[in-house]
Structures are given as structure tokens and as C-alpha cells.
């Protein structure tokens, strides 16, 4: 063989090897973690439409759970019929893409002194490939004044919580223009002020339907920017989440006690997911993760979903004004009391609606979070994560995460491909917290799942 032929052969072999190596590298490259559609969704909610919807809800006079239901202009019955009609209008505009239903029960008990039908209005946007997996946005229809049993006095409930209902309606307008893998539910709940009845009714309905509820984003007061403490700020939002699962069993608690995870329930990792999406796709909005179920000693409509074992968080303004909550409309000593529409900043409400919309869209486009996540590495130099194999064709691979035990959010991650076990070499299990998420080709990633029952989403 001539020297020229030998050189050519070496060059050809080298090029072939280089191509093979490059091809292998490309095959192992992680999909983009960006979905450009979410930038569009983040700017789509309209402050003008939200203003109009809140005004309509305010104009019903009162939406107290015990208020009249037969009038077409006053009371909670008129309000919920308008909400149902609005969801139906949105559905008609998208080719009947929403299934609009009411879910109700007759209840009597705490703060409800006579048998009363508590009616939720919900719109269901069925997923194309994984319709049993559900992400939900909720707000509360009902309003109240100082006396929790006063069902007749004017109770505008502009911020608390017409903003949450208007946000759910606006999110439906925006997201009904798209199709998703998972199902999105937009919920207007009743009976919140009387004892979280509507949330319990819908949580039970979801269980009876066999829904795999991956996330509930409960929106309660998303329109006030002026705090009772004098702070005025339109660029922060609080997301509250439970740390230890409400439904944790004694045996699970014992396991958690020795392995950690007090800060890694599914609800808490749902909250972290929301923050990461806002950081990526929105500007001029900072998410304050509050590592507490709700405000100190208080509760909201995400709690019944937590009690049912579902991941659920509360989304709300950072700066509350207590003179505008649960108050008779009046002026005393120069101070104005009452939850009137003048106290709502609709540009801010549009921002928080956008937070919900991008979170719902991303999670509905992403695969389901991994299941049966386990970890091992006790008395070993390395840590191994494993999870169940999936039949979901939208999963192109997985990403493993870790952080120091003192870090509030995930700080490191690595794409590992479509496998169901991965070892992090020379990472001692004692020094970090770990998790894993499912990855789709479209740039969306599921929330992170902490190992064991502590962090399981389903």
C-alpha cells in the first residue's frame, strides 16, 4: 500500500470515528429546557378583561354561600350561572374544547346553619394523550362581610376572591387556544368562607373520577398591592406549600425522620417548579416561596386537596390589607373598610394569572412526574437513584437533581437519558438531597420528585 493510500485510510477511519463519536454525543444531548410558547402565554392575560370580569362579579351585590340563588342579578346563584355561561362561551370559541359541569353537595355544619347546596363550577380541558392526569387552577366564588353568617349585606369581594375566579376564567381563555397532553381543570369553588366546603367536594369528586391530580394552584386574593404595613409592591407573589404531607402515615413519618425530606413534599416541589417557570418565562415578578401551609394560623382552599393526598399550593399577593378583608363597607375615623374594586390592581392580577397559565401549560405539556422513585447509598461513596419504567412516549429522558440540605431550591441537575437508574459517582448520600424529573422533547420538564413516599406525586 502506498503512503498516500495509507494516509487516506487513516484519515477516513479517523473521520468515521469522529462522526460516530459526534453522533453518540448528539444522541445523549439533553433536550432544550425552553418552550417558546410559554413566553407568549406569559404575556397573554388581559388586565382589561380581568377588570371587566371582577366588576361583573362585584355587581352581584353579595356572593355569600347562603345568599339567594333564584335571582338573576343578585346572590351566589346568579354569580355561578354567569361563570358557567362564561366558560361555555370560551368553549364555543375553541370548538367545544371545554367540558363545563357543576359539582355540588348539600351540606350543613360549621358556619352553615341550614341545609345548603354548595355548587362548584368547573371547566375541563381534556388532555390529548394523558387525559387522566390533571393540573388545576382554582378560585373562590363566595364573599363575606364582618359577620360570617350575614348573607344579605353588600359584599363585593373584589379581591377576595373575585380576582381568583376571574383569573381562572382568563386562564381558560388563554390556554383554550392550545392542546395539551394532560388535562387542565379551571375551577370556581363555593363555600370557602364557611369552611372550605367546595374544595372538599371537588377533591372527593376527583378521587371518585380516578383523576391523577398532579397539581392544584389555589388562587386566593391575587389583586392587592398595598399592604396594611404601608408597603406597596406589584412585583412579588407568595406561594405557600405544605412541608410534610398531611396524609403521611406513622410508618412513612418514621422513614422520613431518618432519611430527611421534611422540606420536600410533592406540594413543596410543585411550588419550586412554579418559581422556576416564572424565573424563566416572566419578567418583573419574583416568587416568594413560603415554606408554610398558609398564612400563620389561617387556611385556604388548597387544604382540602392536601387532605385528600393531592399536591396543592396557595398563590396570593405578598402584601395583604386587612381593612379590605371580611369587612362591612364603612368609613371609621377616616379609615375606609371593605373589599371594593378600587383596591384591585389589575395589571398585577394579570401577572399572577400569567404565573398560573404558564405553570398549567408547562406541566400539561410535560410528562407525568416519575413514580416509585427510590434512593440508595448508605455507607457508600456514591448515590444511586432509580424510578419506574414508563410507557409514556412523550418521555425522552430524565434529569436528576441535587442540592445541599440547607439550600431552599434545587441548585444542580444532570440529564441522564431514557434510563431508570443512575449513579452519581463520589457523591455521598449523607450530604445532599436528591430528586428526579421526567423530560419531554418539547422543552418541558415535570416537577422534581423526592425519593420515597415523602415526595411522591401520585
Protein backbone atom coordinates (compact mmCIF):
# COMPACT_ATOMS: atom_id res chain seq x y z
CA UNK A 1 0.00 0.00 0.00
CA UNK A 2 1.36 3.40 -0.90
CA UNK A 3 1.94 6.04 1.74
CA UNK A 4 -0.77 8.16 0.10
CA UNK A 5 -3.28 5.29 0.34
CA UNK A 6 -2.32 4.61 3.95
CA UNK A 7 -2.76 8.27 4.87
CA UNK A 8 -6.15 8.31 3.11
CA UNK A 9 -7.25 5.19 5.00
CA UNK A 10 -6.16 6.63 8.36
CA UNK A 11 -7.98 9.87 7.56
CA UNK A 12 -11.15 8.01 6.56
CA UNK A 13 -11.08 5.87 9.69
CA UNK A 14 -10.49 8.96 11.87
CA UNK A 15 -13.33 10.81 10.21
CA UNK A 16 -15.62 7.81 10.64
CA UNK A 17 -14.74 7.54 14.32
CA UNK A 18 -15.21 11.27 14.78
CA UNK A 19 -18.65 11.07 13.15
CA UNK A 20 -19.62 8.11 15.34
CA UNK A 21 -18.47 9.87 18.48
CA UNK A 22 -20.28 13.03 17.44
CA UNK A 23 -23.43 11.07 16.63
CA UNK A 24 -23.32 9.40 20.05
CA UNK A 25 -22.84 12.75 21.75
CA UNK A 26 -25.81 14.20 19.90
CA UNK A 27 -27.97 11.25 20.91
CA UNK A 28 -27.10 11.88 24.57
CA UNK A 29 -27.57 15.65 24.43
CA UNK A 30 -30.34 16.92 26.70
CA UNK A 31 -33.41 18.45 25.04
CA UNK A 32 -33.83 22.18 25.41
CA UNK A 33 -35.38 23.23 28.71
CA UNK A 34 -37.20 26.10 26.98
CA UNK A 35 -40.60 26.11 25.28
CA UNK A 36 -41.05 29.37 23.37
CA UNK A 37 -44.84 29.04 23.52
CA UNK A 38 -44.68 29.82 27.22
CA UNK A 39 -43.25 33.29 26.53
CA UNK A 40 -46.39 34.04 24.51
CA UNK A 41 -48.66 32.64 27.21
CA UNK A 42 -46.89 34.74 29.85
CA UNK A 43 -47.97 37.97 28.13
CA UNK A 44 -51.45 36.89 27.03
CA UNK A 45 -53.66 37.54 30.12
CA UNK A 46 -55.54 40.83 29.78
CA UNK A 47 -55.87 43.29 32.67
CA UNK A 48 -58.86 44.83 30.86
CA UNK A 49 -60.76 41.54 30.65
CA UNK A 50 -59.94 40.74 34.28
CA UNK A 51 -61.27 44.14 35.32
CA UNK A 52 -64.49 43.54 33.42
CA UNK A 53 -64.98 40.10 34.97
CA UNK A 54 -64.32 41.27 38.53
CA UNK A 55 -66.75 44.14 38.01
CA UNK A 56 -69.45 41.71 36.90
CA UNK A 57 -68.88 39.56 39.99
CA UNK A 58 -68.90 42.60 42.27
CA UNK A 59 -72.18 43.78 40.74
CA UNK A 60 -73.99 40.70 42.06
CA UNK A 61 -74.01 42.55 45.40
CA UNK A 62 -73.14 39.57 47.55
CA UNK A 63 -71.90 36.10 46.68
CA UNK A 64 -72.26 34.72 50.19
CA UNK A 65 -72.72 30.95 50.19
CA UNK A 66 -76.07 31.35 51.98
CA UNK A 67 -77.30 34.18 49.72
CA UNK A 68 -80.21 33.80 47.35
CA UNK A 69 -79.95 31.54 44.34
CA UNK A 70 -83.08 32.33 42.29
CA UNK A 71 -82.39 35.96 41.37
CA UNK A 72 -80.77 36.66 38.01
CA UNK A 73 -78.99 39.77 39.32
CA UNK A 74 -78.13 39.22 42.98
CA UNK A 75 -76.53 36.48 45.05
CA UNK A 76 -74.33 33.47 44.56
CA UNK A 77 -76.79 31.66 42.28
CA UNK A 78 -76.62 34.45 39.69
CA UNK A 79 -72.83 34.59 40.03
CA UNK A 80 -72.27 30.90 39.43
CA UNK A 81 -74.67 30.86 36.46
CA UNK A 82 -72.69 33.72 34.90
CA UNK A 83 -69.42 31.84 35.48
CA UNK A 84 -70.88 28.72 33.86
CA UNK A 85 -72.11 30.76 30.88
CA UNK A 86 -68.69 32.38 30.51
CA UNK A 87 -66.92 29.02 30.49
CA UNK A 88 -69.41 27.86 27.85
CA UNK A 89 -68.70 30.94 25.73
CA UNK A 90 -64.98 30.17 25.90
CA UNK A 91 -65.68 26.57 24.95
CA UNK A 92 -67.77 27.59 21.94
CA UNK A 93 -64.91 29.82 20.75
CA UNK A 94 -62.45 26.90 20.86
CA UNK A 95 -64.69 24.37 19.15
CA UNK A 96 -66.18 22.95 22.34
CA UNK A 97 -62.77 22.17 23.81
CA UNK A 98 -64.09 22.56 27.37
CA UNK A 99 -66.47 20.33 29.24
CA UNK A 100 -68.36 22.63 31.62
CA UNK A 101 -70.06 21.00 34.61
CA UNK A 102 -71.19 21.73 38.15
CA UNK A 103 -70.14 19.60 41.09
CA UNK A 104 -72.22 20.06 44.22
CA UNK A 105 -73.38 18.66 47.55
CA UNK A 106 -75.91 19.76 50.14
CA UNK A 107 -74.15 20.49 53.41
CA UNK A 108 -74.93 21.73 56.91
CA UNK A 109 -72.42 22.34 59.65
CA UNK A 110 -69.82 24.87 60.70
CA UNK A 111 -70.95 28.34 59.56
CA UNK A 112 -73.83 26.83 57.56
CA UNK A 113 -76.87 26.80 59.83
CA UNK A 114 -79.31 25.20 57.39
CA UNK A 115 -79.05 22.61 54.59
CA UNK A 116 -77.43 24.46 51.68
CA UNK A 117 -76.36 23.32 48.23
CA UNK A 118 -72.69 24.21 47.71
CA UNK A 119 -72.07 24.35 43.96
CA UNK A 120 -68.70 24.42 42.17
CA UNK A 121 -68.46 25.40 38.51
CA UNK A 122 -65.62 23.74 36.64
CA UNK A 123 -64.35 23.64 33.06
CA UNK A 124 -62.33 20.61 31.94
CA UNK A 125 -59.89 20.82 29.02
CA UNK A 126 -59.15 17.17 28.31
CA UNK A 127 -55.58 16.13 27.55
CA UNK A 128 -54.81 14.54 24.20
CA UNK A 129 -52.51 11.71 25.31
CA UNK A 130 -52.75 11.56 29.12
CA UNK A 131 -56.29 12.74 29.95
CA UNK A 132 -56.43 11.17 33.41
CA UNK A 133 -53.55 13.33 34.66
CA UNK A 134 -54.91 16.65 35.94
CA UNK A 135 -53.46 20.06 36.75
CA UNK A 136 -55.92 22.57 38.20
CA UNK A 137 -56.34 26.29 38.84
CA UNK A 138 -58.97 27.33 41.36
CA UNK A 139 -60.54 30.47 42.81
CA UNK A 140 -63.42 31.05 45.23
CA UNK A 141 -66.83 32.38 44.18
CA UNK A 142 -68.18 33.30 47.61
CA UNK A 143 -67.70 36.55 49.53
CA UNK A 144 -68.44 37.76 53.07
CA UNK A 145 -68.55 40.79 55.37
CA UNK A 146 -67.70 41.04 59.09
CA UNK A 147 -70.43 38.65 60.24
CA UNK A 148 -69.66 35.33 58.56
CA UNK A 149 -73.39 34.43 58.60
CA UNK A 150 -74.56 37.74 57.07
CA UNK A 151 -75.89 36.60 53.69
CA UNK A 152 -77.68 39.80 52.65
CA UNK A 153 -75.39 42.80 53.18
CA UNK A 154 -73.43 44.17 50.22
CA UNK A 155 -70.24 42.10 49.99
CA UNK A 156 -68.30 42.95 46.81
CA UNK A 157 -65.44 40.51 47.47
CA UNK A 158 -63.50 42.21 44.71
CA UNK A 159 -60.06 40.97 45.71
CA UNK A 160 -61.25 38.15 47.99
CA UNK A 161 -61.91 36.39 45.79
CA UNK A 162 -63.38 37.67 42.55
CA UNK A 163 -59.78 38.06 41.37
CA UNK A 164 -59.13 34.33 41.78
CA UNK A 165 -62.27 33.36 39.83
CA UNK A 166 -61.58 35.95 37.13
CA UNK A 167 -58.04 34.61 36.89
CA UNK A 168 -59.29 31.06 36.32
CA UNK A 169 -61.69 32.29 33.60
CA UNK A 170 -58.93 34.31 31.92
CA UNK A 171 -56.51 31.36 32.07
CA UNK A 172 -59.18 29.28 30.31
CA UNK A 173 -59.45 31.93 27.58
CA UNK A 174 -55.70 31.89 27.03
CA UNK A 175 -54.98 28.16 27.27
CA UNK A 176 -58.04 27.02 25.31
CA UNK A 177 -56.12 28.18 22.23
CA UNK A 178 -53.70 25.25 22.70
CA UNK A 179 -53.86 21.48 23.03
CA UNK A 180 -52.10 19.64 25.84
CA UNK A 181 -51.04 16.13 26.76
CA UNK A 182 -52.50 16.28 30.27
CA UNK A 183 -55.88 17.65 31.35
CA UNK A 184 -56.34 21.18 32.71
CA UNK A 185 -59.22 21.98 35.07
CA UNK A 186 -60.38 25.55 35.74
CA UNK A 187 -62.42 25.61 38.96
CA UNK A 188 -64.67 28.20 40.61
CA UNK A 189 -65.27 26.87 44.13
CA UNK A 190 -68.01 27.77 46.63
CA UNK A 191 -68.27 27.67 50.41
CA UNK A 192 -64.69 28.73 51.14
CA UNK A 193 -65.55 31.35 53.75
CA UNK A 194 -67.91 28.95 55.52
CA UNK A 195 -65.36 26.19 55.97
CA UNK A 196 -63.60 25.13 52.73
CA UNK A 197 -66.60 23.07 51.65
CA UNK A 198 -66.25 23.49 47.89
CA UNK A 199 -62.66 22.29 47.84
CA UNK A 200 -63.56 19.19 49.82
CA UNK A 201 -66.45 18.46 47.43
CA UNK A 202 -64.22 18.78 44.36
CA UNK A 203 -61.38 16.78 45.93
CA UNK A 204 -63.81 13.93 46.63
CA UNK A 205 -65.15 14.19 43.09
CA UNK A 206 -61.62 13.97 41.69
CA UNK A 207 -60.98 10.83 43.74
CA UNK A 208 -64.24 9.24 42.63
CA UNK A 209 -63.38 10.01 39.00
CA UNK A 210 -59.97 8.38 39.44
CA UNK A 211 -58.14 11.53 38.41
CA UNK A 212 -54.38 11.58 38.90
CA UNK A 213 -54.22 15.08 40.34
CA UNK A 214 -50.67 16.29 39.82
CA UNK A 215 -51.13 19.91 40.88
CA UNK A 216 -53.72 22.28 42.34
CA UNK A 217 -52.95 26.01 42.17
CA UNK A 218 -55.41 27.67 44.52
CA UNK A 219 -55.63 31.42 43.89
CA UNK A 220 -56.98 33.39 46.81
CA UNK A 221 -56.53 37.18 46.63
CA UNK A 222 -54.36 37.97 43.63
CA UNK A 223 -55.10 41.67 43.18
CA UNK A 224 -53.91 43.79 46.11
CA UNK A 225 -50.50 45.51 46.03
CA UNK A 226 -50.85 47.85 49.06
CA UNK A 227 -50.15 46.20 52.42
CA UNK A 228 -51.56 47.06 55.82
CA UNK A 229 -47.93 47.76 56.77
CA UNK A 230 -47.65 50.58 54.21
CA UNK A 231 -45.65 48.59 51.66
CA UNK A 232 -46.75 48.99 48.04
CA UNK A 233 -45.28 46.41 45.68
CA UNK A 234 -46.54 44.95 42.42
CA UNK A 235 -43.62 42.66 41.63
CA UNK A 236 -43.76 39.86 44.23
CA UNK A 237 -46.11 36.95 44.85
CA UNK A 238 -46.28 34.35 47.61
CA UNK A 239 -46.65 30.62 47.02
CA UNK A 240 -47.47 28.63 50.17
CA UNK A 241 -46.96 24.87 50.39
CA UNK A 242 -47.12 22.10 52.98
CA UNK A 243 -43.75 20.67 54.05
CA UNK A 244 -44.81 17.28 55.39
CA UNK A 245 -47.73 15.62 53.63
CA UNK A 246 -50.99 15.83 55.55
CA UNK A 247 -51.70 12.18 54.71
CA UNK A 248 -48.34 10.84 55.86
CA UNK A 249 -48.68 7.59 57.80
CA UNK A 250 -46.78 6.85 61.05
CA UNK A 251 -44.56 4.39 59.19
CA UNK A 252 -43.79 6.95 56.48
CA UNK A 253 -43.06 9.54 59.16
CA UNK A 254 -40.57 7.16 60.78
CA UNK A 255 -38.80 6.63 57.45
CA UNK A 256 -38.70 10.37 56.78
CA UNK A 257 -37.33 11.03 60.27
CA UNK A 258 -34.17 9.10 59.41
CA UNK A 259 -33.82 9.97 55.71
CA UNK A 260 -34.91 13.63 55.61
CA UNK A 261 -37.43 15.22 53.30
CA UNK A 262 -39.31 17.49 55.72
CA UNK A 263 -38.94 20.17 53.05
CA UNK A 264 -39.66 18.01 50.01
CA UNK A 265 -43.31 17.05 49.81
CA UNK A 266 -44.83 16.98 46.32
CA UNK A 267 -46.57 20.27 47.15
CA UNK A 268 -43.28 21.92 48.04
CA UNK A 269 -41.60 20.70 44.85
CA UNK A 270 -44.66 21.91 42.94
CA UNK A 271 -44.04 25.35 44.45
CA UNK A 272 -40.39 25.19 43.40
CA UNK A 273 -41.48 24.26 39.88
CA UNK A 274 -43.76 27.30 39.70
CA UNK A 275 -40.91 29.57 40.78
CA UNK A 276 -38.51 28.12 38.22
CA UNK A 277 -41.04 28.72 35.43
CA UNK A 278 -41.65 32.31 36.49
CA UNK A 279 -37.90 32.93 36.69
CA UNK A 280 -37.52 31.62 33.13
CA UNK A 281 -40.55 32.98 31.32
CA UNK A 282 -41.63 36.15 33.13
CA UNK A 283 -40.10 39.50 34.00
CA UNK A 284 -40.77 41.87 36.89
CA UNK A 285 -42.25 39.16 39.09
CA UNK A 286 -40.43 37.46 41.93
CA UNK A 287 -41.88 34.38 43.60
CA UNK A 288 -41.55 34.22 47.37
CA UNK A 289 -41.68 30.58 48.37
CA UNK A 290 -43.26 30.49 51.82
CA UNK A 291 -42.41 27.19 53.47
CA UNK A 292 -45.64 27.01 55.44
CA UNK A 293 -49.07 25.58 54.61
CA UNK A 294 -50.69 29.02 54.66
CA UNK A 295 -50.51 32.31 56.50
CA UNK A 296 -49.91 31.89 60.22
CA UNK A 297 -52.91 30.18 61.81
CA UNK A 298 -55.06 30.62 58.69
CA UNK A 299 -56.26 28.38 55.86
CA UNK A 300 -57.39 28.25 52.26
CA UNK A 301 -59.00 26.07 49.65
CA UNK A 302 -55.81 24.18 48.83
CA UNK A 303 -56.05 22.46 52.22
CA UNK A 304 -58.89 20.04 51.29
CA UNK A 305 -56.80 18.87 48.33
CA UNK A 306 -53.77 18.34 50.60
CA UNK A 307 -56.03 16.39 52.96
CA UNK A 308 -57.05 14.21 50.00
CA UNK A 309 -53.37 13.49 49.32
CA UNK A 310 -53.05 15.79 46.28
CA UNK A 311 -50.17 18.22 45.69
CA UNK A 312 -51.66 21.70 46.18
CA UNK A 313 -50.37 25.22 46.85
CA UNK A 314 -51.80 28.66 47.57
CA UNK A 315 -50.93 31.52 45.19
CA UNK A 316 -51.59 35.02 46.53
CA UNK A 317 -50.41 38.59 46.81
CA UNK A 318 -47.47 39.36 49.09
CA UNK A 319 -48.94 42.44 50.76
CA UNK A 320 -52.34 41.95 52.40
CA UNK A 321 -54.53 44.80 53.61
CA UNK A 322 -56.71 43.54 56.45
CA UNK A 323 -59.02 46.59 56.33
CA UNK A 324 -60.12 45.24 52.94
CA UNK A 325 -60.83 41.68 54.04
CA UNK A 326 -64.02 40.33 55.68
CA UNK A 327 -65.26 43.84 56.46
CA UNK A 328 -68.56 45.70 56.34
CA UNK A 329 -68.24 48.59 53.89
CA UNK A 330 -67.86 51.71 56.01
CA UNK A 331 -65.60 54.62 56.96
CA UNK A 332 -64.46 54.96 60.58
CA UNK A 333 -62.03 57.57 61.89
CA UNK A 334 -61.08 58.38 58.33
CA UNK A 335 -60.24 54.75 57.51
CA UNK A 336 -62.10 53.08 54.63
CA UNK A 337 -63.08 49.46 55.17
CA UNK A 338 -64.36 46.92 52.65
CA UNK A 339 -63.27 44.74 49.76
CA UNK A 340 -64.19 47.08 46.89
CA UNK A 341 -62.93 47.04 43.32
CA UNK A 342 -60.90 50.21 43.82
CA UNK A 343 -58.50 48.15 45.91
CA UNK A 344 -57.58 45.85 42.99
CA UNK A 345 -54.57 46.43 40.72
CA UNK A 346 -55.50 44.60 37.52
CA UNK A 347 -52.06 44.72 35.93
CA UNK A 348 -50.90 42.77 38.98
CA UNK A 349 -53.81 40.34 38.70
CA UNK A 350 -52.83 39.77 35.06
CA UNK A 351 -49.28 38.92 36.17
CA UNK A 352 -50.46 36.34 38.68
CA UNK A 353 -52.88 34.90 36.13
CA UNK A 354 -49.90 34.53 33.79
CA UNK A 355 -47.98 32.70 36.53
CA UNK A 356 -50.82 30.19 36.68
CA UNK A 357 -51.16 29.91 32.91
CA UNK A 358 -47.50 29.11 32.23
CA UNK A 359 -47.42 26.67 35.15
CA UNK A 360 -50.53 24.81 33.98
CA UNK A 361 -49.35 24.76 30.36
CA UNK A 362 -45.82 23.60 31.12
CA UNK A 363 -46.96 20.79 33.42
CA UNK A 364 -49.71 19.70 31.00
CA UNK A 365 -47.18 19.62 28.12
CA UNK A 366 -44.55 17.87 30.26
CA UNK A 367 -44.75 14.15 31.06
CA UNK A 368 -46.04 12.96 34.41
CA UNK A 369 -43.51 13.08 37.25
CA UNK A 370 -41.63 9.81 37.74
CA UNK A 371 -43.12 7.20 40.05
CA UNK A 372 -41.57 4.72 42.50
CA UNK A 373 -38.51 6.93 42.96
CA UNK A 374 -36.03 5.28 45.30
CA UNK A 375 -32.53 6.07 46.53
CA UNK A 376 -29.65 4.11 47.99
CA UNK A 377 -26.07 4.79 49.01
CA UNK A 378 -25.87 4.27 52.74
CA UNK A 379 -22.23 3.77 53.84
CA UNK A 380 -21.05 4.11 50.23
CA UNK A 381 -19.06 6.63 48.15
CA UNK A 382 -21.79 7.10 45.54
CA UNK A 383 -25.56 7.67 45.40
CA UNK A 384 -27.97 5.78 43.14
CA UNK A 385 -31.44 6.94 42.14
CA UNK A 386 -33.97 4.64 40.47
CA UNK A 387 -37.54 5.01 39.26
CA UNK A 388 -40.22 3.02 37.46
CA UNK A 389 -40.06 2.48 33.71
CA UNK A 390 -42.76 4.32 31.79
CA UNK A 391 -44.90 3.57 28.76
CA UNK A 392 -45.35 7.30 28.09
CA UNK A 393 -43.93 8.02 24.64
CA UNK A 394 -43.61 11.73 25.45
CA UNK A 395 -40.79 10.93 27.90
CA UNK A 396 -37.46 11.29 26.10
CA UNK A 397 -35.37 11.02 29.24
CA UNK A 398 -34.87 12.05 32.84
CA UNK A 399 -32.98 14.70 34.77
CA UNK A 400 -31.56 14.05 38.23
CA UNK A 401 -31.28 16.90 40.74
CA UNK A 402 -29.36 17.55 43.92
CA UNK A 403 -28.74 20.31 46.44
CA UNK A 404 -27.14 20.82 49.81
CA UNK A 405 -29.50 20.08 52.67
CA UNK A 406 -29.51 23.78 53.62
CA UNK A 407 -30.48 25.02 50.15
CA UNK A 408 -34.16 26.02 49.68
CA UNK A 409 -34.24 25.25 45.94
CA UNK A 410 -32.65 22.74 43.57
CA UNK A 411 -29.19 24.01 42.59
CA UNK A 412 -27.74 21.28 40.36
CA UNK A 413 -29.09 18.86 37.77
CA UNK A 414 -27.91 16.48 35.08
CA UNK A 415 -29.72 14.96 32.11
CA UNK A 416 -29.20 11.18 32.15
CA UNK A 417 -31.22 9.96 29.16
CA UNK A 418 -34.06 7.45 28.99
CA UNK A 419 -32.98 5.04 31.68
CA UNK A 420 -34.49 4.16 35.05
CA UNK A 421 -31.40 4.12 37.27
CA UNK A 422 -28.43 6.42 37.60
CA UNK A 423 -25.46 6.61 39.95
CA UNK A 424 -23.86 9.90 40.92
CA UNK A 425 -20.25 8.87 41.41
CA UNK A 426 -18.46 10.02 44.54
CA UNK A 427 -21.47 11.91 45.85
CA UNK A 428 -22.10 10.82 49.42
CA UNK A 429 -25.81 10.41 50.11
CA UNK A 430 -25.49 11.95 53.59
CA UNK A 431 -24.51 15.40 52.35
CA UNK A 432 -27.20 16.21 49.76
CA UNK A 433 -30.87 15.94 48.91
CA UNK A 434 -31.77 14.30 45.61
CA UNK A 435 -34.64 14.04 43.15
CA UNK A 436 -35.57 13.17 39.57
CA UNK A 437 -37.87 14.64 36.89
CA UNK A 438 -39.29 13.50 33.55
CA UNK A 439 -38.20 15.33 30.39
CA UNK A 440 -40.15 15.92 27.16
CA UNK A 441 -38.75 16.77 23.74
CA UNK A 442 -40.79 19.99 23.68
CA UNK A 443 -38.65 21.60 26.39
CA UNK A 444 -40.93 20.95 29.36
CA UNK A 445 -39.85 19.10 32.49
CA UNK A 446 -42.03 17.70 35.25
CA UNK A 447 -41.71 18.83 38.86
CA UNK A 448 -38.88 17.15 40.75
CA UNK A 449 -39.81 14.04 42.74
CA UNK A 450 -38.06 13.43 46.04
CA UNK A 451 -37.47 9.71 46.74
CA UNK A 452 -39.96 7.60 48.65
CA UNK A 453 -43.47 8.30 49.88
CA UNK A 454 -42.30 11.67 51.20
CA UNK A 455 -42.11 13.21 47.73
CA UNK A 456 -44.43 11.07 45.61
CA UNK A 457 -46.91 12.95 43.44
CA UNK A 458 -49.28 10.01 42.92
